[in-house]
Amino acid sequence: MKKIFSLSVVCALALIFCFDSFAGLIDWERRNRFLKERQQNSGSEKAMTEDDLPLWMREEPIIKTRAEKRYDVNRDGKFQPAESKVYLRRVIKTVEKGGKIVSRSDILEEYDTNGDGVISLVEVKEVREDVL
């Protein structure tokens, strides 16, 4: 009886860990809906392609700073899109509260349009469009 109970507990834990491992995978249906919505909101008749997405959505950026390491949930040294979104939401909140974010990462350099090395309120608007 104890063996059956132990086996069922081990199986339950294995299933829980398996479901957790799917957290970093891309939800292709959601991504396609996002592309369609973005195309409709832009009002253009041109089809939205993968080249229109931010670079961090197309390929996984390498983590460079200590602040980014806190958001690397699976500790693989790269940002998956879900991890990037959480990180960028923190950037948005910090900048909106009057703080400054220095763009040392690949993700933030993409949004630093004026090249001053700091993400400003104007640049955060573009971040918000891509994240939310």
N, C-alpha and C. Protein backbone atom coordinates (compact mmCIF):
# COMPACT_ATOMS: atom_id res chain seq x y z
N MET A 1 0.82 -1.20 0.00
CA MET A 1 0.00 0.00 0.00
C MET A 1 0.87 1.26 0.00
N LYS A 2 1.94 1.23 0.81
CA LYS A 2 2.84 2.38 0.87
C LYS A 2 3.53 2.60 -0.46
N LYS A 3 3.83 1.51 -1.17
CA LYS A 3 4.50 1.64 -2.46
C LYS A 3 3.58 2.31 -3.48
N ILE A 4 2.32 1.95 -3.48
CA ILE A 4 1.37 2.53 -4.41
C ILE A 4 1.19 4.02 -4.11
N PHE A 5 1.08 4.36 -2.85
CA PHE A 5 0.95 5.77 -2.47
C PHE A 5 2.20 6.56 -2.87
N SER A 6 3.36 5.99 -2.61
CA SER A 6 4.62 6.66 -2.96
C SER A 6 4.73 6.85 -4.47
N LEU A 7 4.36 5.83 -5.22
CA LEU A 7 4.40 5.90 -6.68
C LEU A 7 3.45 6.96 -7.21
N SER A 8 2.27 7.05 -6.64
CA SER A 8 1.31 8.06 -7.10
C SER A 8 1.78 9.47 -6.76
N VAL A 9 2.42 9.66 -5.63
CA VAL A 9 2.96 10.97 -5.27
C VAL A 9 4.08 11.36 -6.23
N VAL A 10 4.95 10.42 -6.53
CA VAL A 10 6.05 10.68 -7.46
C VAL A 10 5.51 11.03 -8.85
N CYS A 11 4.50 10.30 -9.30
CA CYS A 11 3.88 10.59 -10.61
C CYS A 11 3.24 11.97 -10.61
N ALA A 12 2.56 12.32 -9.55
CA ALA A 12 1.92 13.64 -9.47
C ALA A 12 2.97 14.75 -9.52
N LEU A 13 4.05 14.58 -8.79
CA LEU A 13 5.12 15.58 -8.81
C LEU A 13 5.77 15.68 -10.19
N ALA A 14 5.96 14.54 -10.85
CA ALA A 14 6.53 14.54 -12.19
C ALA A 14 5.64 15.30 -13.16
N LEU A 15 4.33 15.11 -13.07
CA LEU A 15 3.41 15.83 -13.94
C LEU A 15 3.44 17.33 -13.67
N ILE A 16 3.52 17.70 -12.42
CA ILE A 16 3.59 19.13 -12.07
C ILE A 16 4.83 19.76 -12.67
N PHE A 17 5.97 19.09 -12.55
CA PHE A 17 7.21 19.63 -13.11
C PHE A 17 7.15 19.68 -14.63
N CYS A 18 6.50 18.72 -15.27
CA CYS A 18 6.37 18.74 -16.72
C CYS A 18 5.53 19.92 -17.18
N PHE A 19 4.43 20.19 -16.48
CA PHE A 19 3.60 21.32 -16.85
C PHE A 19 4.34 22.63 -16.66
N ASP A 20 5.17 22.74 -15.64
CA ASP A 20 5.97 23.94 -15.42
C ASP A 20 6.98 24.16 -16.52
N SER A 21 7.49 23.10 -17.11
CA SER A 21 8.52 23.24 -18.14
C SER A 21 7.98 23.86 -19.41
N PHE A 22 6.68 23.85 -19.61
CA PHE A 22 6.10 24.43 -20.81
C PHE A 22 5.95 25.95 -20.73
N ALA A 23 6.31 26.56 -19.62
CA ALA A 23 6.11 28.00 -19.41
C ALA A 23 6.89 28.84 -20.40
N GLY A 24 8.07 28.42 -20.84
CA GLY A 24 8.90 29.23 -21.72
C GLY A 24 8.61 29.02 -23.20
N LEU A 25 7.70 28.10 -23.54
CA LEU A 25 7.42 27.83 -24.94
C LEU A 25 6.54 28.91 -25.54
N ILE A 26 6.63 29.06 -26.84
CA ILE A 26 5.87 30.08 -27.56
C ILE A 26 4.45 29.57 -27.83
N ASP A 27 3.48 30.39 -27.55
CA ASP A 27 2.10 30.09 -27.89
C ASP A 27 1.85 30.69 -29.28
N TRP A 28 1.93 29.86 -30.30
CA TRP A 28 1.89 30.34 -31.68
C TRP A 28 0.54 30.96 -32.03
N GLU A 29 -0.53 30.43 -31.50
CA GLU A 29 -1.85 31.01 -31.78
C GLU A 29 -1.93 32.43 -31.21
N ARG A 30 -1.44 32.61 -30.00
CA ARG A 30 -1.45 33.94 -29.38
C ARG A 30 -0.56 34.89 -30.16
N ARG A 31 0.59 34.42 -30.63
CA ARG A 31 1.50 35.26 -31.41
C ARG A 31 0.84 35.70 -32.71
N ASN A 32 0.15 34.77 -33.39
CA ASN A 32 -0.52 35.11 -34.64
C ASN A 32 -1.66 36.11 -34.40
N ARG A 33 -2.40 35.94 -33.30
CA ARG A 33 -3.45 36.91 -32.96
C ARG A 33 -2.83 38.28 -32.70
N PHE A 34 -1.69 38.30 -32.01
CA PHE A 34 -0.99 39.56 -31.73
C PHE A 34 -0.60 40.25 -33.04
N LEU A 35 -0.08 39.49 -34.00
CA LEU A 35 0.30 40.08 -35.29
C LEU A 35 -0.91 40.66 -36.02
N LYS A 36 -2.03 39.93 -36.00
CA LYS A 36 -3.24 40.41 -36.67
C LYS A 36 -3.77 41.68 -36.01
N GLU A 37 -3.81 41.69 -34.67
CA GLU A 37 -4.29 42.87 -33.95
C GLU A 37 -3.40 44.07 -34.21
N ARG A 38 -2.11 43.83 -34.23
CA ARG A 38 -1.17 44.93 -34.47
C ARG A 38 -1.34 45.48 -35.88
N GLN A 39 -1.61 44.60 -36.84
CA GLN A 39 -1.82 45.04 -38.21
C GLN A 39 -3.11 45.86 -38.31
N GLN A 40 -4.17 45.41 -37.65
CA GLN A 40 -5.43 46.14 -37.69
C GLN A 40 -5.33 47.49 -37.01
N ASN A 41 -4.60 47.55 -35.89
CA ASN A 41 -4.43 48.81 -35.18
C ASN A 41 -3.58 49.81 -35.94
N SER A 42 -2.64 49.31 -36.73
CA SER A 42 -1.79 50.23 -37.48
C SER A 42 -2.54 50.79 -38.68
N GLY A 43 -3.60 50.12 -39.12
CA GLY A 43 -4.40 50.61 -40.22
C GLY A 43 -3.78 50.35 -41.58
N SER A 44 -2.68 49.66 -41.62
CA SER A 44 -2.02 49.40 -42.90
C SER A 44 -2.61 48.15 -43.53
N GLU A 45 -2.57 48.12 -44.84
CA GLU A 45 -3.07 46.96 -45.55
C GLU A 45 -1.95 45.94 -45.77
N LYS A 46 -0.73 46.35 -45.51
CA LYS A 46 0.42 45.46 -45.65
C LYS A 46 0.36 44.39 -44.57
N ALA A 47 0.61 43.17 -44.94
CA ALA A 47 0.57 42.07 -43.97
C ALA A 47 1.74 42.20 -42.99
N MET A 48 1.46 41.93 -41.73
CA MET A 48 2.47 41.99 -40.68
C MET A 48 3.35 40.75 -40.81
N THR A 49 4.64 40.96 -40.87
CA THR A 49 5.57 39.85 -40.99
C THR A 49 6.40 39.75 -39.72
N GLU A 50 7.21 38.72 -39.67
CA GLU A 50 8.05 38.53 -38.50
C GLU A 50 9.10 39.64 -38.39
N ASP A 51 9.48 40.25 -39.51
CA ASP A 51 10.45 41.34 -39.48
C ASP A 51 9.89 42.59 -38.80
N ASP A 52 8.58 42.69 -38.69
CA ASP A 52 7.96 43.84 -38.04
C ASP A 52 7.97 43.72 -36.51
N LEU A 53 8.25 42.53 -36.01
CA LEU A 53 8.31 42.32 -34.57
C LEU A 53 9.62 42.87 -34.01
N PRO A 54 9.62 43.24 -32.74
CA PRO A 54 10.89 43.65 -32.12
C PRO A 54 11.88 42.49 -32.14
N LEU A 55 13.15 42.82 -32.12
CA LEU A 55 14.20 41.81 -32.21
C LEU A 55 14.11 40.79 -31.07
N TRP A 56 13.72 41.23 -29.87
CA TRP A 56 13.66 40.30 -28.74
C TRP A 56 12.55 39.27 -28.88
N MET A 57 11.58 39.52 -29.77
CA MET A 57 10.54 38.52 -30.02
C MET A 57 10.97 37.52 -31.08
N ARG A 58 11.91 37.91 -31.94
CA ARG A 58 12.37 37.03 -33.01
C ARG A 58 13.48 36.10 -32.56
N GLU A 59 14.39 36.59 -31.76
CA GLU A 59 15.48 35.75 -31.26
C GLU A 59 15.75 36.08 -29.80
N GLU A 60 16.21 35.12 -29.08
CA GLU A 60 16.38 35.27 -27.63
C GLU A 60 17.66 36.06 -27.33
N PRO A 61 17.52 37.25 -26.71
CA PRO A 61 18.71 38.03 -26.36
C PRO A 61 19.49 37.40 -25.21
N ILE A 62 20.79 37.62 -25.23
CA ILE A 62 21.66 37.11 -24.17
C ILE A 62 21.61 38.07 -22.99
N ILE A 63 21.58 37.52 -21.80
CA ILE A 63 21.50 38.32 -20.58
C ILE A 63 22.88 38.90 -20.28
N LYS A 64 22.93 40.24 -20.07
CA LYS A 64 24.20 40.92 -19.85
C LYS A 64 24.34 41.53 -18.47
N THR A 65 23.24 41.98 -17.89
CA THR A 65 23.34 42.71 -16.63
C THR A 65 22.81 41.89 -15.46
N ARG A 66 23.17 42.33 -14.26
CA ARG A 66 22.70 41.66 -13.05
C ARG A 66 21.20 41.82 -12.88
N ALA A 67 20.68 42.96 -13.29
CA ALA A 67 19.23 43.19 -13.20
C ALA A 67 18.47 42.21 -14.08
N GLU A 68 19.02 41.90 -15.23
CA GLU A 68 18.36 40.96 -16.14
C GLU A 68 18.41 39.54 -15.59
N LYS A 69 19.47 39.19 -14.86
CA LYS A 69 19.59 37.83 -14.31
C LYS A 69 18.43 37.49 -13.38
N ARG A 70 17.90 38.50 -12.71
CA ARG A 70 16.78 38.24 -11.79
C ARG A 70 15.54 37.75 -12.53
N TYR A 71 15.42 38.10 -13.81
CA TYR A 71 14.25 37.74 -14.59
C TYR A 71 14.46 36.50 -15.46
N ASP A 72 15.65 35.93 -15.42
CA ASP A 72 15.94 34.71 -16.16
C ASP A 72 15.48 33.52 -15.31
N VAL A 73 14.24 33.16 -15.46
CA VAL A 73 13.61 32.16 -14.60
C VAL A 73 14.26 30.79 -14.75
N ASN A 74 14.55 30.37 -15.97
CA ASN A 74 15.11 29.03 -16.17
C ASN A 74 16.64 29.01 -16.15
N ARG A 75 17.27 30.14 -15.90
CA ARG A 75 18.73 30.24 -15.71
C ARG A 75 19.53 29.69 -16.89
N ASP A 76 19.06 29.95 -18.11
CA ASP A 76 19.80 29.48 -19.28
C ASP A 76 20.67 30.57 -19.90
N GLY A 77 20.64 31.78 -19.35
CA GLY A 77 21.48 32.87 -19.86
C GLY A 77 20.87 33.61 -21.04
N LYS A 78 19.65 33.27 -21.40
CA LYS A 78 18.94 33.93 -22.51
C LYS A 78 17.55 34.32 -22.04
N PHE A 79 17.01 35.36 -22.65
CA PHE A 79 15.66 35.81 -22.35
C PHE A 79 14.68 35.20 -23.33
N GLN A 80 13.76 34.40 -22.82
CA GLN A 80 12.64 33.97 -23.65
C GLN A 80 11.66 35.13 -23.71
N PRO A 81 10.75 35.15 -24.71
CA PRO A 81 9.81 36.26 -24.82
C PRO A 81 9.01 36.53 -23.55
N ALA A 82 8.60 35.51 -22.84
CA ALA A 82 7.83 35.72 -21.60
C ALA A 82 8.68 36.41 -20.55
N GLU A 83 9.94 36.00 -20.42
CA GLU A 83 10.84 36.64 -19.46
C GLU A 83 11.13 38.09 -19.86
N SER A 84 11.26 38.31 -21.16
CA SER A 84 11.51 39.67 -21.65
C SER A 84 10.35 40.60 -21.33
N LYS A 85 9.13 40.10 -21.48
CA LYS A 85 7.96 40.93 -21.20
C LYS A 85 7.90 41.34 -19.74
N VAL A 86 8.19 40.41 -18.85
CA VAL A 86 8.18 40.73 -17.43
C VAL A 86 9.25 41.78 -17.13
N TYR A 87 10.42 41.62 -17.70
CA TYR A 87 11.51 42.58 -17.50
C TYR A 87 11.13 43.97 -18.04
N LEU A 88 10.55 44.00 -19.23
CA LEU A 88 10.18 45.28 -19.84
C LEU A 88 9.04 45.96 -19.08
N ARG A 89 8.15 45.19 -18.48
CA ARG A 89 7.09 45.79 -17.67
C ARG A 89 7.68 46.48 -16.45
N ARG A 90 8.73 45.90 -15.88
CA ARG A 90 9.41 46.56 -14.75
C ARG A 90 10.08 47.85 -15.22
N VAL A 91 10.65 47.83 -16.41
CA VAL A 91 11.28 49.03 -16.98
C VAL A 91 10.23 50.13 -17.15
N ILE A 92 9.07 49.76 -17.66
CA ILE A 92 7.99 50.74 -17.86
C ILE A 92 7.59 51.38 -16.53
N LYS A 93 7.38 50.55 -15.51
CA LYS A 93 6.98 51.08 -14.20
C LYS A 93 8.04 52.00 -13.62
N THR A 94 9.30 51.61 -13.75
CA THR A 94 10.39 52.42 -13.19
C THR A 94 10.48 53.77 -13.87
N VAL A 95 10.40 53.80 -15.17
CA VAL A 95 10.51 55.06 -15.91
C VAL A 95 9.30 55.95 -15.65
N GLU A 96 8.11 55.37 -15.57
CA GLU A 96 6.90 56.16 -15.32
C GLU A 96 6.89 56.77 -13.92
N LYS A 97 7.57 56.12 -12.98
CA LYS A 97 7.65 56.67 -11.62
C LYS A 97 8.74 57.73 -11.50
N GLY A 98 9.42 58.03 -12.58
CA GLY A 98 10.45 59.06 -12.56
C GLY A 98 11.86 58.52 -12.45
N GLY A 99 12.01 57.23 -12.44
CA GLY A 99 13.33 56.63 -12.36
C GLY A 99 14.00 56.60 -13.73
N LYS A 100 15.27 56.24 -13.72
CA LYS A 100 16.01 56.15 -14.98
C LYS A 100 16.49 54.72 -15.17
N ILE A 101 16.42 54.28 -16.39
CA ILE A 101 16.91 52.96 -16.76
C ILE A 101 17.99 53.17 -17.81
N VAL A 102 19.19 52.70 -17.51
CA VAL A 102 20.30 52.78 -18.47
C VAL A 102 20.20 51.57 -19.39
N SER A 103 20.30 51.82 -20.68
CA SER A 103 20.11 50.74 -21.66
C SER A 103 21.43 50.04 -21.96
N ARG A 104 21.77 49.07 -21.14
CA ARG A 104 22.97 48.26 -21.35
C ARG A 104 22.65 46.93 -22.00
N SER A 105 21.39 46.60 -22.07
CA SER A 105 21.01 45.29 -22.61
C SER A 105 20.62 45.41 -24.08
N ASP A 106 20.62 44.26 -24.75
CA ASP A 106 20.22 44.22 -26.16
C ASP A 106 18.77 44.65 -26.34
N ILE A 107 17.94 44.25 -25.39
CA ILE A 107 16.51 44.58 -25.48
C ILE A 107 16.31 46.09 -25.41
N LEU A 108 16.92 46.73 -24.43
CA LEU A 108 16.70 48.16 -24.24
C LEU A 108 17.40 49.01 -25.29
N GLU A 109 18.51 48.54 -25.84
CA GLU A 109 19.19 49.31 -26.88
C GLU A 109 18.31 49.46 -28.12
N GLU A 110 17.44 48.50 -28.34
CA GLU A 110 16.52 48.57 -29.47
C GLU A 110 15.52 49.73 -29.32
N TYR A 111 15.17 50.03 -28.08
CA TYR A 111 14.19 51.09 -27.81
C TYR A 111 14.84 52.45 -27.56
N ASP A 112 16.13 52.51 -27.37
CA ASP A 112 16.84 53.78 -27.13
C ASP A 112 17.05 54.47 -28.47
N THR A 113 16.02 55.14 -28.96
CA THR A 113 16.04 55.73 -30.30
C THR A 113 16.97 56.93 -30.43
N ASN A 114 17.14 57.70 -29.37
CA ASN A 114 18.02 58.87 -29.47
C ASN A 114 19.47 58.56 -29.12
N GLY A 115 19.76 57.34 -28.69
CA GLY A 115 21.13 56.90 -28.46
C GLY A 115 21.82 57.51 -27.26
N ASP A 116 21.06 58.04 -26.29
CA ASP A 116 21.68 58.65 -25.11
C ASP A 116 21.99 57.65 -24.01
N GLY A 117 21.57 56.39 -24.18
CA GLY A 117 21.87 55.36 -23.20
C GLY A 117 20.86 55.27 -22.07
N VAL A 118 19.82 56.10 -22.10
CA VAL A 118 18.79 56.11 -21.06
C VAL A 118 17.43 55.98 -21.72
N ILE A 119 16.57 55.17 -21.13
CA ILE A 119 15.20 55.02 -21.65
C ILE A 119 14.35 56.13 -21.06
N SER A 120 13.76 56.93 -21.93
CA SER A 120 12.95 58.08 -21.51
C SER A 120 11.46 57.74 -21.61
N LEU A 121 10.63 58.69 -21.18
CA LEU A 121 9.17 58.49 -21.24
C LEU A 121 8.69 58.35 -22.68
N VAL A 122 9.30 59.06 -23.59
CA VAL A 122 8.91 58.97 -25.00
C VAL A 122 9.22 57.57 -25.54
N GLU A 123 10.37 57.04 -25.15
CA GLU A 123 10.77 55.71 -25.64
C GLU A 123 9.97 54.60 -24.97
N VAL A 124 9.48 54.86 -23.77
CA VAL A 124 8.68 53.86 -23.06
C VAL A 124 7.35 53.61 -23.77
N LYS A 125 6.84 54.60 -24.49
CA LYS A 125 5.57 54.41 -25.22
C LYS A 125 5.70 53.27 -26.23
N GLU A 126 6.83 53.21 -26.91
CA GLU A 126 7.04 52.13 -27.88
C GLU A 126 7.20 50.77 -27.17
N VAL A 127 7.86 50.80 -26.02
CA VAL A 127 8.01 49.57 -25.23
C VAL A 127 6.62 49.07 -24.83
N ARG A 128 5.77 49.98 -24.38
CA ARG A 128 4.43 49.59 -23.95
C ARG A 128 3.63 48.98 -25.08
N GLU A 129 3.76 49.51 -26.29
CA GLU A 129 3.03 48.95 -27.43
C GLU A 129 3.44 47.51 -27.70
N ASP A 130 4.72 47.22 -27.55
CA ASP A 130 5.20 45.88 -27.83
C ASP A 130 4.92 44.89 -26.70
N VAL A 131 4.89 45.37 -25.48
CA VAL A 131 4.74 44.48 -24.32
C VAL A 131 3.28 44.24 -23.98
N LEU A 132 2.48 45.28 -23.98
CA LEU A 132 1.09 45.14 -23.54
C LEU A 132 0.16 44.94 -24.68
